[in-house]
């Protein structure tokens, strides 16, 4: 972790940079209190300092969960130890704003219009999904420099990938429960509608154990719509381009054909098989061998 990520994005004070990778960087943050709205001061106060948050994130595991994932951040971007103490480091105080996760474009890509459009598309789609099993977008906007950011619920727990990493295996009942919850979240995304009530025709396109978060309360949540398709999305994947993780692609994804929600259902089925079997379904030493 990097403790040098302090600063602000819009009205949010950045307490701790968690990771940077791909096109994004992610922070634990808190909305700054307006002047005169209660206790004065910012993130350097006792109970919400960078040191306190970092101590919480790296604290001992809770209820046997040994790794942490922050809402909306896939394992490829974020790998960190954690526990519920990350929230207790300042988020539980009713006199303070809760801790959140802020995702923004990496500094070197921040003003490239293509990446900005992708992040805004992700925020716009995710904000239309309403389900306890889908990581919610709480806010999004532009910072003072005109760069976009997304604010998400801070979920302390693990990715399903980390929870089922060999030799660990879940009890069958627990595994089925997590898959059922994930299916609820995915269905909510598929049923997301615009302000006129029209289906957005969302297709996640990247369902995998890395994009399913399991909180310390046992709640499973789908996250990361960075590769998602939606009818009114402003950015489009080039025809013939394959998106998603190879081992979880549906046959139509692998052949860059037209997709609908059934592609995501196939991918979740692969995840379910692996969680129950304790091993990968599609393996190979090369991209070609995995796909065939």
Protein backbone atom coordinates (compact mmCIF):
# COMPACT_ATOMS: atom_id res chain seq x y z
CA UNK A 1 0.00 0.00 0.00
CA UNK A 2 0.97 3.57 -0.60
CA UNK A 3 0.38 6.11 2.15
CA UNK A 4 1.26 9.00 -0.14
CA UNK A 5 -2.10 9.12 -1.86
CA UNK A 6 -3.59 11.88 0.31
CA UNK A 7 -5.35 14.81 -1.27
CA UNK A 8 -8.86 15.38 -2.52
CA UNK A 9 -11.12 14.41 -5.40
CA UNK A 10 -14.13 16.68 -5.61
CA UNK A 11 -15.59 16.81 -2.09
CA UNK A 12 -13.82 13.60 -1.01
CA UNK A 13 -10.70 13.54 1.15
CA UNK A 14 -8.36 10.75 0.05
CA UNK A 15 -7.08 8.91 3.12
CA UNK A 16 -5.07 6.08 1.61
CA UNK A 17 -4.09 4.95 -1.85
CA UNK A 18 -4.85 1.26 -2.05
CA UNK A 19 -3.60 0.39 -5.49
CA UNK A 20 -2.95 1.48 -9.03
CA UNK A 21 -3.23 -0.76 -12.06
CA UNK A 22 -4.91 -1.03 -15.43
CA UNK A 23 -6.42 2.36 -16.15
CA UNK A 24 -7.42 3.13 -12.56
CA UNK A 25 -6.17 4.01 -9.11
CA UNK A 26 -8.22 3.42 -5.99
CA UNK A 27 -8.38 5.14 -2.62
CA UNK A 28 -10.09 4.82 0.72
CA UNK A 29 -11.77 8.18 1.18
CA UNK A 30 -14.33 10.16 3.13
CA UNK A 31 -16.57 13.02 2.08
CA UNK A 32 -15.29 16.22 3.68
CA UNK A 33 -17.66 17.85 6.14
CA UNK A 34 -18.89 21.31 5.22
CA UNK A 35 -17.59 24.16 7.36
CA UNK A 36 -19.65 24.49 10.53
CA UNK A 37 -21.29 21.07 10.06
CA UNK A 38 -20.12 19.52 13.31
CA UNK A 39 -16.61 18.57 14.31
CA UNK A 40 -13.99 20.60 12.50
CA UNK A 41 -10.93 19.21 10.82
CA UNK A 42 -10.06 16.79 8.07
CA UNK A 43 -8.53 13.37 7.61
CA UNK A 44 -5.57 14.09 9.84
CA UNK A 45 -7.77 14.05 12.96
CA UNK A 46 -7.56 11.17 15.41
CA UNK A 47 -9.68 8.27 14.28
CA UNK A 48 -9.50 8.99 10.55
CA UNK A 49 -5.81 9.52 9.84
CA UNK A 50 -4.00 7.71 7.07
CA UNK A 51 -2.15 5.74 9.74
CA UNK A 52 -5.40 4.67 11.40
CA UNK A 53 -6.97 3.58 8.13
CA UNK A 54 -3.84 1.73 7.05
CA UNK A 55 -3.69 -0.03 10.43
CA UNK A 56 -7.29 -1.11 9.96
CA UNK A 57 -6.78 -2.37 6.44
CA UNK A 58 -3.74 -4.40 7.43
CA UNK A 59 -5.20 -5.67 10.72
CA UNK A 60 -5.68 -9.32 11.62
CA UNK A 61 -8.31 -11.26 9.67
CA UNK A 62 -11.90 -11.46 10.86
CA UNK A 63 -13.89 -14.70 10.94
CA UNK A 64 -11.23 -16.59 9.01
CA UNK A 65 -11.16 -14.23 6.05
CA UNK A 66 -7.53 -13.53 5.27
CA UNK A 67 -7.52 -11.11 2.33
CA UNK A 68 -9.42 -7.95 1.53
CA UNK A 69 -11.08 -6.47 -1.50
CA UNK A 70 -12.51 -3.00 -1.65
CA UNK A 71 -15.84 -2.54 -3.38
CA UNK A 72 -15.63 -2.21 -7.11
CA UNK A 73 -11.97 -3.10 -7.37
CA UNK A 74 -11.15 -6.42 -9.09
CA UNK A 75 -8.36 -8.59 -7.72
CA UNK A 76 -6.18 -7.70 -10.71
CA UNK A 77 -6.12 -4.11 -9.44
CA UNK A 78 -6.23 -4.61 -5.67
CA UNK A 79 -4.62 -7.23 -3.45
CA UNK A 80 -4.49 -6.24 0.22
CA UNK A 81 -4.92 -7.69 3.69
CA UNK A 82 -7.88 -6.46 5.68
CA UNK A 83 -10.65 -6.76 8.22
CA UNK A 84 -13.70 -4.94 9.49
CA UNK A 85 -11.29 -2.73 11.43
CA UNK A 86 -10.83 -0.79 8.20
CA UNK A 87 -14.32 0.56 8.65
CA UNK A 88 -13.91 0.93 12.41
CA UNK A 89 -10.88 3.15 11.79
CA UNK A 90 -13.29 6.04 11.50
CA UNK A 91 -16.33 5.00 9.53
CA UNK A 92 -18.43 3.81 12.46
CA UNK A 93 -18.53 7.19 14.23
CA UNK A 94 -21.99 8.70 13.56
CA UNK A 95 -20.38 12.15 13.74
CA UNK A 96 -18.29 11.41 10.66
CA UNK A 97 -19.04 10.62 7.07
CA UNK A 98 -18.61 6.90 6.27
CA UNK A 99 -15.53 5.61 4.51
CA UNK A 100 -15.95 4.96 0.81
CA UNK A 101 -13.88 3.70 -2.12
CA UNK A 102 -12.95 6.26 -4.78
CA UNK A 103 -11.85 5.07 -8.21
CA UNK A 104 -10.31 7.46 -10.71
CA UNK A 105 -8.24 7.33 -13.88
CA UNK A 106 -4.50 6.95 -13.39
CA UNK A 107 -2.63 10.25 -13.47
CA UNK A 108 -0.92 9.51 -16.80
CA UNK A 109 -4.26 8.69 -18.46
CA UNK A 110 -6.50 11.15 -16.66
CA UNK A 111 -7.13 13.56 -19.50
CA UNK A 112 -7.44 11.07 -22.34
CA UNK A 113 -11.07 11.30 -23.42
CA UNK A 114 -11.48 7.60 -24.14
CA UNK A 115 -10.67 6.54 -20.60
CA UNK A 116 -12.81 9.30 -19.11
CA UNK A 117 -15.78 8.15 -21.19
CA UNK A 118 -15.26 4.54 -20.09
CA UNK A 119 -15.27 5.49 -16.41
CA UNK A 120 -18.38 7.64 -16.78
CA UNK A 121 -20.12 4.84 -18.66
CA UNK A 122 -19.26 2.43 -15.85
CA UNK A 123 -20.64 4.85 -13.25
CA UNK A 124 -23.80 5.58 -15.21
CA UNK A 125 -24.61 1.90 -15.72
CA UNK A 126 -23.76 0.82 -12.17
CA UNK A 127 -25.82 3.63 -10.64
CA UNK A 128 -28.91 2.10 -12.28
CA UNK A 129 -28.39 -1.32 -10.67
CA UNK A 130 -30.27 -1.71 -7.39
CA UNK A 131 -29.52 -4.88 -5.43
CA UNK A 132 -27.93 -5.83 -2.10
CA UNK A 133 -25.81 -8.19 -4.19
CA UNK A 134 -24.31 -5.54 -6.45
CA UNK A 135 -21.69 -3.06 -5.24
CA UNK A 136 -23.46 0.31 -5.41
CA UNK A 137 -22.12 3.48 -6.95
CA UNK A 138 -22.83 6.26 -4.45
CA UNK A 139 -21.63 9.23 -6.45
CA UNK A 140 -19.61 10.23 -9.49
CA UNK A 141 -18.44 13.43 -11.05
CA UNK A 142 -15.49 15.52 -12.18
CA UNK A 143 -12.71 16.76 -9.95
CA UNK A 144 -11.38 20.32 -10.02
CA UNK A 145 -9.19 19.46 -13.00
CA UNK A 146 -12.06 18.00 -14.99
CA UNK A 147 -11.04 14.34 -14.52
CA UNK A 148 -13.80 11.80 -13.71
CA UNK A 149 -14.12 9.72 -10.54
CA UNK A 150 -16.51 7.11 -9.11
CA UNK A 151 -17.44 6.75 -5.44
CA UNK A 152 -18.48 3.26 -4.32
CA UNK A 153 -19.51 1.56 -1.11
CA UNK A 154 -16.48 0.33 0.81
CA UNK A 155 -16.89 -3.42 1.25
CA UNK A 156 -14.46 -5.22 3.53
CA UNK A 157 -14.09 -8.89 2.71
CA UNK A 158 -12.54 -11.03 0.02
CA UNK A 159 -12.97 -11.82 -3.61
CA UNK A 160 -14.48 -15.21 -4.28
CA UNK A 161 -11.18 -16.00 -6.00
CA UNK A 162 -9.25 -15.50 -2.77
CA UNK A 163 -11.85 -17.30 -0.68
CA UNK A 164 -11.60 -20.43 -2.83
CA UNK A 165 -7.90 -20.41 -3.63
CA UNK A 166 -6.54 -23.99 -3.32
CA UNK A 167 -6.35 -25.82 -1.01
CA UNK A 168 -9.28 -23.88 0.48
CA UNK A 169 -12.78 -25.13 -0.34
CA UNK A 170 -16.18 -23.91 0.77
CA UNK A 171 -18.85 -26.12 2.27
CA UNK A 172 -21.36 -27.03 -0.44
CA UNK A 173 -24.15 -25.11 1.28
CA UNK A 174 -22.01 -21.99 1.62
CA UNK A 175 -20.84 -22.23 -1.98
CA UNK A 176 -24.39 -22.55 -3.29
CA UNK A 177 -25.52 -19.62 -1.15
CA UNK A 178 -22.78 -17.36 -2.53
CA UNK A 179 -23.54 -18.37 -6.11
CA UNK A 180 -27.27 -17.77 -5.56
CA UNK A 181 -26.53 -14.31 -4.16
CA UNK A 182 -24.25 -13.58 -7.11
CA UNK A 183 -27.01 -14.64 -9.48
CA UNK A 184 -29.36 -12.17 -7.77
CA UNK A 185 -26.87 -9.35 -8.27
CA UNK A 186 -26.26 -10.30 -11.89
CA UNK A 187 -30.00 -10.48 -12.57
CA UNK A 188 -30.40 -6.98 -11.12
CA UNK A 189 -27.76 -5.72 -13.56
CA UNK A 190 -29.52 -7.43 -16.46
CA UNK A 191 -32.82 -5.82 -15.41
CA UNK A 192 -31.39 -2.30 -14.96
CA UNK A 193 -33.49 0.38 -16.64
CA UNK A 194 -33.03 3.97 -17.67
CA UNK A 195 -35.06 6.92 -16.37
CA UNK A 196 -37.77 6.17 -18.94
CA UNK A 197 -38.10 2.59 -17.73
CA UNK A 198 -36.42 1.05 -20.77
CA UNK A 199 -34.06 -1.89 -20.32
CA UNK A 200 -30.41 -0.89 -20.62
CA UNK A 201 -29.63 -4.42 -21.88
CA UNK A 202 -26.58 -4.61 -19.62
CA UNK A 203 -24.11 -7.44 -20.24
CA UNK A 204 -21.33 -7.61 -17.65
CA UNK A 205 -18.87 -9.50 -19.92
CA UNK A 206 -16.37 -10.13 -17.12
CA UNK A 207 -18.04 -12.42 -14.59
CA UNK A 208 -15.33 -14.32 -12.72
CA UNK A 209 -14.35 -15.09 -9.10
CA UNK A 210 -12.27 -11.89 -9.11
CA UNK A 211 -15.37 -9.79 -9.67
CA UNK A 212 -17.50 -11.30 -6.92
CA UNK A 213 -16.86 -9.84 -3.47
CA UNK A 214 -17.76 -11.65 -0.26
CA UNK A 215 -18.12 -9.39 2.77
CA UNK A 216 -17.37 -10.39 6.34
CA UNK A 217 -21.15 -10.58 6.80
CA UNK A 218 -21.33 -13.33 4.18
CA UNK A 219 -22.97 -11.15 1.53
CA UNK A 220 -21.82 -11.71 -2.05
CA UNK A 221 -21.77 -8.76 -4.44
CA UNK A 222 -21.06 -8.44 -8.15
CA UNK A 223 -18.64 -5.62 -8.97
CA UNK A 224 -16.74 -3.95 -11.82
CA UNK A 225 -18.73 -2.92 -14.87
CA UNK A 226 -15.63 -1.60 -16.61
CA UNK A 227 -16.09 -3.98 -19.55
CA UNK A 228 -19.88 -4.01 -19.51
CA UNK A 229 -22.02 -3.48 -22.57
CA UNK A 230 -25.21 -1.44 -22.39
CA UNK A 231 -27.54 -0.23 -25.11
CA UNK A 232 -26.86 3.45 -24.46
CA UNK A 233 -23.19 3.20 -23.58
CA UNK A 234 -21.19 5.94 -25.31
CA UNK A 235 -18.04 3.84 -25.70
CA UNK A 236 -18.12 0.71 -27.82
CA UNK A 237 -15.85 -2.31 -28.15
CA UNK A 238 -14.37 -2.67 -31.63
CA UNK A 239 -16.12 -5.40 -33.61
CA UNK A 240 -14.26 -8.69 -33.32
CA UNK A 241 -12.60 -7.76 -30.02
CA UNK A 242 -12.74 -10.34 -27.20
CA UNK A 243 -13.33 -8.90 -23.71
CA UNK A 244 -13.17 -10.76 -20.40
CA UNK A 245 -11.05 -13.43 -18.73
CA UNK A 246 -10.34 -16.37 -21.03
CA UNK A 247 -11.29 -19.15 -18.61
CA UNK A 248 -14.77 -17.67 -18.07
CA UNK A 249 -15.72 -16.62 -21.59
CA UNK A 250 -18.92 -17.96 -23.09
CA UNK A 251 -18.53 -19.63 -26.51
CA UNK A 252 -20.03 -16.58 -28.21
CA UNK A 253 -17.62 -14.28 -26.37
CA UNK A 254 -14.65 -16.41 -27.38
CA UNK A 255 -15.71 -16.13 -31.02
CA UNK A 256 -16.46 -12.38 -30.75
CA UNK A 257 -20.11 -12.93 -31.69
CA UNK A 258 -23.17 -10.95 -30.65
CA UNK A 259 -23.93 -11.31 -26.93
CA UNK A 260 -26.92 -11.13 -24.64
CA UNK A 261 -27.39 -11.75 -20.91
CA UNK A 262 -27.08 -15.51 -21.38
CA UNK A 263 -23.35 -15.04 -21.93
CA UNK A 264 -23.03 -13.79 -18.33
CA UNK A 265 -25.13 -16.71 -17.08
CA UNK A 266 -22.70 -19.12 -18.77
CA UNK A 267 -19.76 -17.38 -17.08
CA UNK A 268 -21.43 -17.58 -13.67
CA UNK A 269 -22.07 -21.26 -14.34
CA UNK A 270 -18.33 -21.76 -14.85
CA UNK A 271 -17.70 -19.97 -11.54
CA UNK A 272 -20.25 -22.20 -9.80
CA UNK A 273 -18.63 -25.36 -11.19
CA UNK A 274 -15.20 -24.28 -9.99
CA UNK A 275 -16.37 -23.28 -6.51
CA UNK A 276 -18.06 -26.66 -6.05
CA UNK A 277 -15.32 -28.76 -7.67
CA UNK A 278 -12.38 -26.91 -6.14
CA UNK A 279 -10.50 -26.64 -9.43
CA UNK A 280 -10.51 -24.78 -12.72
CA UNK A 281 -12.92 -25.92 -15.42
CA UNK A 282 -11.07 -24.62 -18.46
CA UNK A 283 -7.29 -24.84 -18.19
CA UNK A 284 -4.43 -24.75 -20.64
CA UNK A 285 -0.88 -23.62 -21.21
CA UNK A 286 -1.88 -21.12 -23.89
CA UNK A 287 -4.81 -18.97 -24.93
CA UNK A 288 -5.60 -21.39 -27.75
CA UNK A 289 -5.66 -24.44 -25.47
CA UNK A 290 -7.92 -22.68 -22.95
CA UNK A 291 -10.42 -21.66 -25.61
CA UNK A 292 -10.46 -25.07 -27.27
